[in-house]
Amino acid sequence: MQKKKKKIKKIPYAIAHIKATFNNTIITFTDLEGNTLTWASAGAIGFKGTKKGTPYAAQRAAYEAAKKAKDIYGVERCAVFVKGGGLGRETAIRAIEGAGVKIVILRDITPIPHNGCRPPGRRRV
C-alpha cells in the first residue's frame, strides 16, 4: 500500500509574527486561522550566544522564513505583528520585504503593563 503524498495548499495571504527579544528573534508565518506554515529563528539559522540578539541574525532568520513561505506555500502578501523590544525588529521587517513578500499591515502588539505587578525593591549592597 502506497502512502499518498500530501498536497500543499497555496496560501496567497499569511500572517508573520515577529518576536524580537534581547536574546533571540523568532519569526513565524501562519495562515489566517493561526496554523503555522513555516518558522525560523536566529538560533535555528546557526547563530549562538550573544550573536542571536543582533539585527543581522534577525535579518537572516526573517529572510529564511519568508523565502520558505513563498517557495512552499506561495505566500505573496502578509500582515506583520511585531512583539518585543529587541534589536532585530526593523531589520526583520525589511528582510521579509526583501524576500519578495509584500507587507500589507504592520502592527505592534508588544504587551504593555497598565500598572500591573509591583516592581522589585531597590538593590542594597
Protein backbone atom coordinates (compact mmCIF):
# COMPACT_ATOMS: atom_id res chain seq x y z
CA MET A 1 0.00 0.00 0.00
CA GLN A 2 1.50 3.31 -1.11
CA LYS A 3 1.32 6.40 1.04
CA LYS A 4 -0.45 9.35 -0.59
CA LYS A 5 1.67 12.43 -0.98
CA LYS A 6 0.24 15.36 0.98
CA LYS A 7 -0.87 18.14 -1.36
CA ILE A 8 0.34 21.54 -0.21
CA LYS A 9 -2.29 24.27 -0.43
CA LYS A 10 -1.33 27.60 -1.94
CA ILE A 11 -1.93 30.40 0.56
CA PRO A 12 -1.60 33.88 -1.01
CA TYR A 13 -2.12 35.81 2.25
CA ALA A 14 -0.40 34.96 5.56
CA ILE A 15 0.44 36.47 8.93
CA ALA A 16 4.06 36.95 10.02
CA HIS A 17 4.63 37.02 13.78
CA ILE A 18 7.98 38.53 14.80
CA LYS A 19 9.01 38.02 18.43
CA ALA A 20 12.09 40.16 19.00
CA THR A 21 13.65 39.63 22.42
CA PHE A 22 17.06 40.85 23.51
CA ASN A 23 18.48 37.32 23.26
CA ASN A 24 16.83 35.96 20.09
CA THR A 25 14.40 36.74 17.27
CA ILE A 26 11.72 34.26 16.21
CA ILE A 27 9.69 34.65 13.00
CA THR A 28 6.60 32.51 12.40
CA PHE A 29 4.41 32.53 9.29
CA THR A 30 0.84 31.38 9.91
CA ASP A 31 -2.32 31.15 7.83
CA LEU A 32 -5.36 33.26 8.75
CA GLU A 33 -6.57 30.64 11.27
CA GLY A 34 -3.22 30.74 13.10
CA ASN A 35 -1.84 27.38 11.90
CA THR A 36 1.94 27.53 11.50
CA LEU A 37 3.24 27.34 7.93
CA THR A 38 6.96 27.98 8.45
CA TRP A 39 9.19 29.42 11.14
CA ALA A 40 12.80 30.41 11.67
CA SER A 41 14.84 31.86 14.48
CA ALA A 42 18.31 33.31 14.84
CA GLY A 43 19.34 30.25 16.85
CA ALA A 44 17.98 27.81 14.27
CA ILE A 45 19.89 29.58 11.49
CA GLY A 46 23.16 28.87 13.30
CA PHE A 47 23.89 31.88 15.47
CA LYS A 48 24.96 31.13 19.04
CA GLY A 49 25.19 33.09 22.26
CA THR A 50 25.06 36.87 22.11
CA LYS A 51 25.09 36.90 18.30
CA LYS A 52 21.48 35.64 18.29
CA GLY A 53 20.24 39.03 19.50
CA THR A 54 21.88 41.05 16.73
CA PRO A 55 19.98 42.75 13.89
CA TYR A 56 21.92 40.73 11.31
CA ALA A 57 20.79 37.44 12.84
CA ALA A 58 17.17 38.68 12.82
CA GLN A 59 17.53 39.68 9.17
CA ARG A 60 18.82 36.26 8.17
CA ALA A 61 16.08 34.46 10.12
CA ALA A 62 13.28 36.62 8.68
CA TYR A 63 14.59 36.21 5.13
CA GLU A 64 14.78 32.43 5.60
CA ALA A 65 11.21 32.18 6.97
CA ALA A 66 9.77 34.44 4.25
CA LYS A 67 11.61 32.57 1.49
CA LYS A 68 10.27 29.22 2.76
CA ALA A 69 6.72 30.60 2.99
CA LYS A 70 6.93 31.99 -0.53
CA ASP A 71 8.51 28.89 -2.12
CA ILE A 72 6.44 26.20 -0.39
CA TYR A 73 3.07 27.90 0.14
CA GLY A 74 3.12 30.68 -2.47
CA VAL A 75 2.67 33.50 0.04
CA GLU A 76 2.57 36.85 -1.80
CA ARG A 77 1.25 39.26 0.84
CA CYS A 78 1.32 39.22 4.63
CA ALA A 79 0.34 41.08 7.76
CA VAL A 80 3.17 41.56 10.23
CA PHE A 81 2.67 41.50 14.01
CA VAL A 82 5.75 42.59 15.97
CA LYS A 83 6.14 41.74 19.66
CA GLY A 84 9.02 42.68 21.95
CA GLY A 85 11.72 45.31 22.12
CA GLY A 86 14.73 43.51 20.69
CA LEU A 87 17.27 44.90 18.25
CA GLY A 88 16.02 42.86 15.29
CA ARG A 89 12.57 44.44 14.90
CA GLU A 90 13.12 46.74 11.90
CA THR A 91 15.66 44.57 10.11
CA ALA A 92 13.34 41.55 10.25
CA ILE A 93 10.54 43.60 8.64
CA ARG A 94 12.87 44.79 5.88
CA ALA A 95 14.09 41.24 5.26
CA ILE A 96 10.53 39.96 4.74
CA GLU A 97 10.01 42.58 2.03
CA GLY A 98 13.44 41.73 0.61
CA ALA A 99 12.37 38.10 0.19
CA GLY A 100 9.56 39.21 -2.13
CA VAL A 101 6.60 39.11 0.27
CA LYS A 102 4.57 42.33 0.25
CA ILE A 103 3.63 43.70 3.69
CA VAL A 104 0.03 44.91 3.84
CA ILE A 105 -0.45 45.55 7.58
CA LEU A 106 2.22 46.33 10.18
CA ARG A 107 1.15 46.16 13.82
CA ASP A 108 3.00 46.37 17.13
CA ILE A 109 1.44 44.01 19.68
CA THR A 110 4.06 44.36 22.43
CA PRO A 111 2.35 43.81 25.79
CA ILE A 112 2.41 46.97 27.90
CA PRO A 113 1.50 46.76 31.61
CA HIS A 114 -1.23 49.10 32.82
CA ASN A 115 0.32 49.36 36.31
CA GLY A 116 0.49 45.61 36.78
CA CYS A 117 2.98 43.89 39.08
CA ARG A 118 4.84 45.74 41.81
CA PRO A 119 8.47 46.35 40.77
CA PRO A 120 11.28 44.82 42.85
CA GLY A 121 12.77 46.90 45.65
CA ARG A 122 15.94 48.97 45.26
CA ARG A 123 19.16 46.92 45.33
CA ARG A 124 21.16 47.27 48.54
CA VAL A 125 24.79 46.24 48.51
